[in-house]
């Protein structure tokens, strides 16, 4: 029964992702903002779900949704919602990669990215330390690295600890950078 419910859940989530993608919610910031704004009190939960999907299925750069979170909910609540959604999505991505391994990563991410980080892993036995530093700083390919971590012997405890402690600074810096750029470009401030 549990497997059946899991399969039904995956099918429903996949259908929702396809519908959201086709309607532009996952690819157009303005459509995402309009959709989440129209959800009323369910907007924050819906936004977290969009962030989770964006991490697990990297359709657009994470900066688009981070900026949308800050524009929709303000700096503080936007940061919190971005953080929660990205952390949940990162853990889900880790488990998917743990379950399906390298074939999943090879179908999801570019060969060039794979080759670059395969070299890093083969040249440096301290993947966990490298992963922690990369997650801590903004602009690293976090989604890819979370999936890659799922194929290593890193424990879920260490992975979650790195994500929970390392993500706040990078999300904060990324959000502030995007918000400042947005204001500079569109508001002249």
C-alpha atoms as a PDB file:
ATOM      1  CA  UNK A   1       0.000   0.000   0.000  1.00  0.00           C
ATOM      2  CA  UNK A   2       2.838   2.375   0.855  1.00  0.00           C
ATOM      3  CA  UNK A   3       4.493   1.805  -2.538  1.00  0.00           C
ATOM      4  CA  UNK A   4       1.195   2.426  -4.325  1.00  0.00           C
ATOM      5  CA  UNK A   5       0.692   5.719  -2.478  1.00  0.00           C
ATOM      6  CA  UNK A   6       4.256   6.731  -3.287  1.00  0.00           C
ATOM      7  CA  UNK A   7       3.739   5.947  -6.985  1.00  0.00           C
ATOM      8  CA  UNK A   8       0.460   7.902  -7.036  1.00  0.00           C
ATOM      9  CA  UNK A   9       2.187  10.810  -5.295  1.00  0.00           C
ATOM     10  CA  UNK A  10       5.032  10.814  -7.817  1.00  0.00           C
ATOM     11  CA  UNK A  11       2.568  10.732 -10.716  1.00  0.00           C
ATOM     12  CA  UNK A  12       0.532  13.611  -9.256  1.00  0.00           C
ATOM     13  CA  UNK A  13       3.637  15.681  -8.524  1.00  0.00           C
ATOM     14  CA  UNK A  14       4.952  15.011 -12.039  1.00  0.00           C
ATOM     15  CA  UNK A  15       1.622  16.079 -13.548  1.00  0.00           C
ATOM     16  CA  UNK A  16       1.655  19.274 -11.450  1.00  0.00           C
ATOM     17  CA  UNK A  17       5.221  20.018 -12.550  1.00  0.00           C
ATOM     18  CA  UNK A  18       4.319  19.543 -16.211  1.00  0.00           C
ATOM     19  CA  UNK A  19       1.242  21.777 -15.877  1.00  0.00           C
ATOM     20  CA  UNK A  20       3.244  24.448 -14.036  1.00  0.00           C
ATOM     21  CA  UNK A  21       5.984  24.310 -16.656  1.00  0.00           C
ATOM     22  CA  UNK A  22       3.567  24.518 -19.595  1.00  0.00           C
ATOM     23  CA  UNK A  23       1.698  27.440 -18.042  1.00  0.00           C
ATOM     24  CA  UNK A  24       4.971  29.336 -17.560  1.00  0.00           C
ATOM     25  CA  UNK A  25       4.869  29.382 -13.754  1.00  0.00           C
ATOM     26  CA  UNK A  26       8.263  27.703 -13.562  1.00  0.00           C
ATOM     27  CA  UNK A  27       9.899  29.621 -16.383  1.00  0.00           C
ATOM     28  CA  UNK A  28       8.560  33.180 -16.203  1.00  0.00           C
ATOM     29  CA  UNK A  29       9.129  35.245 -13.064  1.00  0.00           C
ATOM     30  CA  UNK A  30       6.103  37.466 -13.709  1.00  0.00           C
ATOM     31  CA  UNK A  31       3.779  34.480 -14.119  1.00  0.00           C
ATOM     32  CA  UNK A  32       5.211  32.909 -10.968  1.00  0.00           C
ATOM     33  CA  UNK A  33       4.684  36.129  -9.002  1.00  0.00           C
ATOM     34  CA  UNK A  34       1.131  36.472 -10.315  1.00  0.00           C
ATOM     35  CA  UNK A  35       0.299  32.839  -9.515  1.00  0.00           C
ATOM     36  CA  UNK A  36       1.721  32.930  -5.991  1.00  0.00           C
ATOM     37  CA  UNK A  37       0.169  36.338  -5.256  1.00  0.00           C
ATOM     38  CA  UNK A  38      -3.217  35.032  -6.312  1.00  0.00           C
ATOM     39  CA  UNK A  39      -2.987  32.117  -3.864  1.00  0.00           C
ATOM     40  CA  UNK A  40      -3.740  34.333  -0.863  1.00  0.00           C
ATOM     41  CA  UNK A  41      -2.850  32.739   2.466  1.00  0.00           C
ATOM     42  CA  UNK A  42      -1.581  29.649   0.615  1.00  0.00           C
ATOM     43  CA  UNK A  43       0.982  31.764  -1.268  1.00  0.00           C
ATOM     44  CA  UNK A  44       3.928  31.047   1.059  1.00  0.00           C
ATOM     45  CA  UNK A  45       3.318  27.270   0.986  1.00  0.00           C
ATOM     46  CA  UNK A  46       2.907  27.390  -2.782  1.00  0.00           C
ATOM     47  CA  UNK A  47       6.118  29.365  -3.117  1.00  0.00           C
ATOM     48  CA  UNK A  48       7.996  26.803  -0.990  1.00  0.00           C
ATOM     49  CA  UNK A  49       6.662  24.069  -3.278  1.00  0.00           C
ATOM     50  CA  UNK A  50       7.891  25.997  -6.330  1.00  0.00           C
ATOM     51  CA  UNK A  51      11.333  26.315  -4.708  1.00  0.00           C
ATOM     52  CA  UNK A  52      11.399  22.571  -3.956  1.00  0.00           C
ATOM     53  CA  UNK A  53      10.476  21.760  -7.565  1.00  0.00           C
ATOM     54  CA  UNK A  54      13.055  24.247  -8.855  1.00  0.00           C
ATOM     55  CA  UNK A  55      15.811  22.483  -6.907  1.00  0.00           C
ATOM     56  CA  UNK A  56      14.776  18.938  -7.833  1.00  0.00           C
ATOM     57  CA  UNK A  57      14.040  19.739 -11.478  1.00  0.00           C
ATOM     58  CA  UNK A  58      16.383  22.612 -12.379  1.00  0.00           C
ATOM     59  CA  UNK A  59      14.259  24.219 -15.081  1.00  0.00           C
ATOM     60  CA  UNK A  60      15.504  27.762 -14.535  1.00  0.00           C
ATOM     61  CA  UNK A  61      18.314  29.369 -12.533  1.00  0.00           C
ATOM     62  CA  UNK A  62      17.624  29.422  -8.789  1.00  0.00           C
ATOM     63  CA  UNK A  63      18.157  33.160  -8.785  1.00  0.00           C
ATOM     64  CA  UNK A  64      14.843  33.674 -10.573  1.00  0.00           C
ATOM     65  CA  UNK A  65      12.860  32.092  -7.756  1.00  0.00           C
ATOM     66  CA  UNK A  66      15.051  33.652  -5.029  1.00  0.00           C
ATOM     67  CA  UNK A  67      14.360  37.078  -6.482  1.00  0.00           C
ATOM     68  CA  UNK A  68      10.660  36.266  -6.801  1.00  0.00           C
ATOM     69  CA  UNK A  69      10.586  35.279  -3.110  1.00  0.00           C
ATOM     70  CA  UNK A  70      12.135  38.572  -2.035  1.00  0.00           C
ATOM     71  CA  UNK A  71       9.888  40.619  -4.344  1.00  0.00           C
ATOM     72  CA  UNK A  72       6.728  38.757  -3.277  1.00  0.00           C
ATOM     73  CA  UNK A  73       7.267  38.464   0.453  1.00  0.00           C
ATOM     74  CA  UNK A  74       9.889  41.065   1.338  1.00  0.00           C
ATOM     75  CA  UNK A  75      13.471  40.548   2.421  1.00  0.00           C
ATOM     76  CA  UNK A  76      12.931  38.653   5.676  1.00  0.00           C
ATOM     77  CA  UNK A  77       9.984  36.372   4.852  1.00  0.00           C
ATOM     78  CA  UNK A  78      11.277  35.933   1.281  1.00  0.00           C
ATOM     79  CA  UNK A  79      14.623  34.777   2.649  1.00  0.00           C
ATOM     80  CA  UNK A  80      12.950  32.335   5.067  1.00  0.00           C
ATOM     81  CA  UNK A  81      10.708  30.857   2.358  1.00  0.00           C
ATOM     82  CA  UNK A  82      13.642  30.584  -0.054  1.00  0.00           C
ATOM     83  CA  UNK A  83      15.709  28.869   2.643  1.00  0.00           C
ATOM     84  CA  UNK A  84      13.016  26.366   3.618  1.00  0.00           C
ATOM     85  CA  UNK A  85      12.161  25.461   0.011  1.00  0.00           C
ATOM     86  CA  UNK A  86      15.779  25.140  -1.079  1.00  0.00           C
ATOM     87  CA  UNK A  87      16.711  22.993   1.953  1.00  0.00           C
ATOM     88  CA  UNK A  88      13.753  20.656   1.435  1.00  0.00           C
ATOM     89  CA  UNK A  89      14.470  20.409  -2.283  1.00  0.00           C
ATOM     90  CA  UNK A  90      18.166  19.743  -1.644  1.00  0.00           C
ATOM     91  CA  UNK A  91      17.383  16.831   0.690  1.00  0.00           C
ATOM     92  CA  UNK A  92      14.898  15.380  -1.815  1.00  0.00           C
ATOM     93  CA  UNK A  93      17.467  15.705  -4.603  1.00  0.00           C
ATOM     94  CA  UNK A  94      20.074  13.968  -2.411  1.00  0.00           C
ATOM     95  CA  UNK A  95      17.688  11.041  -1.840  1.00  0.00           C
ATOM     96  CA  UNK A  96      16.748  10.794  -5.530  1.00  0.00           C
ATOM     97  CA  UNK A  97      20.436  10.686  -6.499  1.00  0.00           C
ATOM     98  CA  UNK A  98      21.121   8.180  -3.737  1.00  0.00           C
ATOM     99  CA  UNK A  99      18.349   5.963  -5.119  1.00  0.00           C
ATOM    100  CA  UNK A 100      19.016   6.340  -8.877  1.00  0.00           C
ATOM    101  CA  UNK A 101      22.753   7.111  -8.900  1.00  0.00           C
ATOM    102  CA  UNK A 102      24.888   8.458 -11.704  1.00  0.00           C
ATOM    103  CA  UNK A 103      22.431   7.681 -14.511  1.00  0.00           C
ATOM    104  CA  UNK A 104      20.013  10.184 -12.936  1.00  0.00           C
ATOM    105  CA  UNK A 105      22.727  12.846 -12.713  1.00  0.00           C
ATOM    106  CA  UNK A 106      23.882  12.198 -16.275  1.00  0.00           C
ATOM    107  CA  UNK A 107      20.325  12.673 -17.591  1.00  0.00           C
ATOM    108  CA  UNK A 108      19.720  15.797 -15.511  1.00  0.00           C
ATOM    109  CA  UNK A 109      22.958  17.779 -15.731  1.00  0.00           C
ATOM    110  CA  UNK A 110      25.417  18.631 -18.506  1.00  0.00           C
ATOM    111  CA  UNK A 111      28.335  16.396 -19.406  1.00  0.00           C
ATOM    112  CA  UNK A 112      30.728  19.339 -19.003  1.00  0.00           C
ATOM    113  CA  UNK A 113      29.603  19.929 -15.430  1.00  0.00           C
ATOM    114  CA  UNK A 114      29.955  16.209 -14.721  1.00  0.00           C
ATOM    115  CA  UNK A 115      33.489  16.133 -16.135  1.00  0.00           C
ATOM    116  CA  UNK A 116      34.567  19.223 -14.182  1.00  0.00           C
ATOM    117  CA  UNK A 117      33.429  17.887 -10.833  1.00  0.00           C
ATOM    118  CA  UNK A 118      34.540  14.328 -11.539  1.00  0.00           C
ATOM    119  CA  UNK A 119      38.048  15.783 -11.760  1.00  0.00           C
ATOM    120  CA  UNK A 120      37.554  17.637  -8.462  1.00  0.00           C
ATOM    121  CA  UNK A 121      36.388  14.451  -6.781  1.00  0.00           C
ATOM    122  CA  UNK A 122      39.164  12.293  -8.213  1.00  0.00           C
ATOM    123  CA  UNK A 123      41.894  14.821  -7.343  1.00  0.00           C
ATOM    124  CA  UNK A 124      40.581  15.581  -3.869  1.00  0.00           C
ATOM    125  CA  UNK A 125      39.516  12.881  -1.466  1.00  0.00           C
ATOM    126  CA  UNK A 126      37.847  15.425   0.832  1.00  0.00           C
ATOM    127  CA  UNK A 127      34.545  15.732  -1.057  1.00  0.00           C
ATOM    128  CA  UNK A 128      32.611  16.474   2.119  1.00  0.00           C
ATOM    129  CA  UNK A 129      34.832  19.458   2.941  1.00  0.00           C
ATOM    130  CA  UNK A 130      34.710  20.660  -0.673  1.00  0.00           C
ATOM    131  CA  UNK A 131      30.910  20.267  -0.676  1.00  0.00           C
ATOM    132  CA  UNK A 132      30.551  22.264   2.554  1.00  0.00           C
ATOM    133  CA  UNK A 133      32.636  25.130   1.177  1.00  0.00           C
ATOM    134  CA  UNK A 134      30.804  25.140  -2.151  1.00  0.00           C
ATOM    135  CA  UNK A 135      27.391  25.208  -0.443  1.00  0.00           C
ATOM    136  CA  UNK A 136      28.520  27.991   1.878  1.00  0.00           C
ATOM    137  CA  UNK A 137      29.436  30.344  -0.954  1.00  0.00           C
ATOM    138  CA  UNK A 138      26.911  31.641  -3.484  1.00  0.00           C
ATOM    139  CA  UNK A 139      27.093  30.936  -7.210  1.00  0.00           C
ATOM    140  CA  UNK A 140      28.224  27.290  -6.945  1.00  0.00           C
ATOM    141  CA  UNK A 141      26.140  24.730  -8.889  1.00  0.00           C
ATOM    142  CA  UNK A 142      24.358  23.705  -5.664  1.00  0.00           C
ATOM    143  CA  UNK A 143      21.669  21.518  -7.217  1.00  0.00           C
ATOM    144  CA  UNK A 144      24.255  19.494  -9.088  1.00  0.00           C
ATOM    145  CA  UNK A 145      26.481  19.210  -6.021  1.00  0.00           C
ATOM    146  CA  UNK A 146      23.538  18.015  -3.888  1.00  0.00           C
ATOM    147  CA  UNK A 147      22.797  15.312  -6.443  1.00  0.00           C
ATOM    148  CA  UNK A 148      26.472  14.397  -6.654  1.00  0.00           C
ATOM    149  CA  UNK A 149      26.645  14.157  -2.852  1.00  0.00           C
ATOM    150  CA  UNK A 150      23.839  11.608  -3.041  1.00  0.00           C
ATOM    151  CA  UNK A 151      26.106   9.318  -5.048  1.00  0.00           C
ATOM    152  CA  UNK A 152      28.908   9.447  -2.478  1.00  0.00           C
ATOM    153  CA  UNK A 153      29.157   7.753   0.898  1.00  0.00           C
ATOM    154  CA  UNK A 154      28.235  11.004   2.693  1.00  0.00           C
ATOM    155  CA  UNK A 155      25.645  10.361   5.391  1.00  0.00           C
ATOM    156  CA  UNK A 156      22.280  12.107   5.246  1.00  0.00           C
ATOM    157  CA  UNK A 157      23.095  13.597   8.655  1.00  0.00           C
ATOM    158  CA  UNK A 158      26.280  15.289   7.378  1.00  0.00           C
ATOM    159  CA  UNK A 159      24.553  16.335   4.181  1.00  0.00           C
ATOM    160  CA  UNK A 160      21.595  17.901   6.037  1.00  0.00           C
ATOM    161  CA  UNK A 161      23.910  19.605   8.527  1.00  0.00           C
ATOM    162  CA  UNK A 162      25.949  21.160   5.718  1.00  0.00           C
ATOM    163  CA  UNK A 163      22.794  22.315   3.915  1.00  0.00           C
ATOM    164  CA  UNK A 164      21.122  23.713   7.038  1.00  0.00           C
ATOM    165  CA  UNK A 165      24.232  25.578   8.203  1.00  0.00           C
ATOM    166  CA  UNK A 166      25.724  26.470   4.828  1.00  0.00           C
ATOM    167  CA  UNK A 167      22.690  27.606   2.861  1.00  0.00           C
ATOM    168  CA  UNK A 168      21.615  30.686   4.858  1.00  0.00           C
ATOM    169  CA  UNK A 169      24.631  32.808   3.947  1.00  0.00           C
ATOM    170  CA  UNK A 170      24.606  31.912   0.266  1.00  0.00           C
ATOM    171  CA  UNK A 171      20.835  32.445  -0.034  1.00  0.00           C
ATOM    172  CA  UNK A 172      21.085  35.743   1.845  1.00  0.00           C
ATOM    173  CA  UNK A 173      23.952  37.012  -0.315  1.00  0.00           C
ATOM    174  CA  UNK A 174      22.318  35.795  -3.508  1.00  0.00           C
ATOM    175  CA  UNK A 175      18.955  37.356  -2.582  1.00  0.00           C
ATOM    176  CA  UNK A 176      20.522  40.684  -1.569  1.00  0.00           C
ATOM    177  CA  UNK A 177      22.596  40.771  -4.747  1.00  0.00           C
ATOM    178  CA  UNK A 178      19.546  40.082  -6.921  1.00  0.00           C
ATOM    179  CA  UNK A 179      17.286  42.496  -5.031  1.00  0.00           C
ATOM    180  CA  UNK A 180      19.886  45.273  -5.236  1.00  0.00           C
ATOM    181  CA  UNK A 181      20.384  44.629  -8.944  1.00  0.00           C
ATOM    182  CA  UNK A 182      16.617  44.588  -9.522  1.00  0.00           C
ATOM    183  CA  UNK A 183      16.164  47.916  -7.734  1.00  0.00           C
ATOM    184  CA  UNK A 184      19.123  49.471  -9.546  1.00  0.00           C
ATOM    185  CA  UNK A 185      17.928  48.385 -12.975  1.00  0.00           C
ATOM    186  CA  UNK A 186      14.180  48.914 -12.606  1.00  0.00           C
ATOM    187  CA  UNK A 187      13.821  51.578  -9.945  1.00  0.00           C
ATOM    188  CA  UNK A 188      16.984  53.587 -10.534  1.00  0.00           C
ATOM    189  CA  UNK A 189      17.886  53.410  -6.837  1.00  0.00           C
END
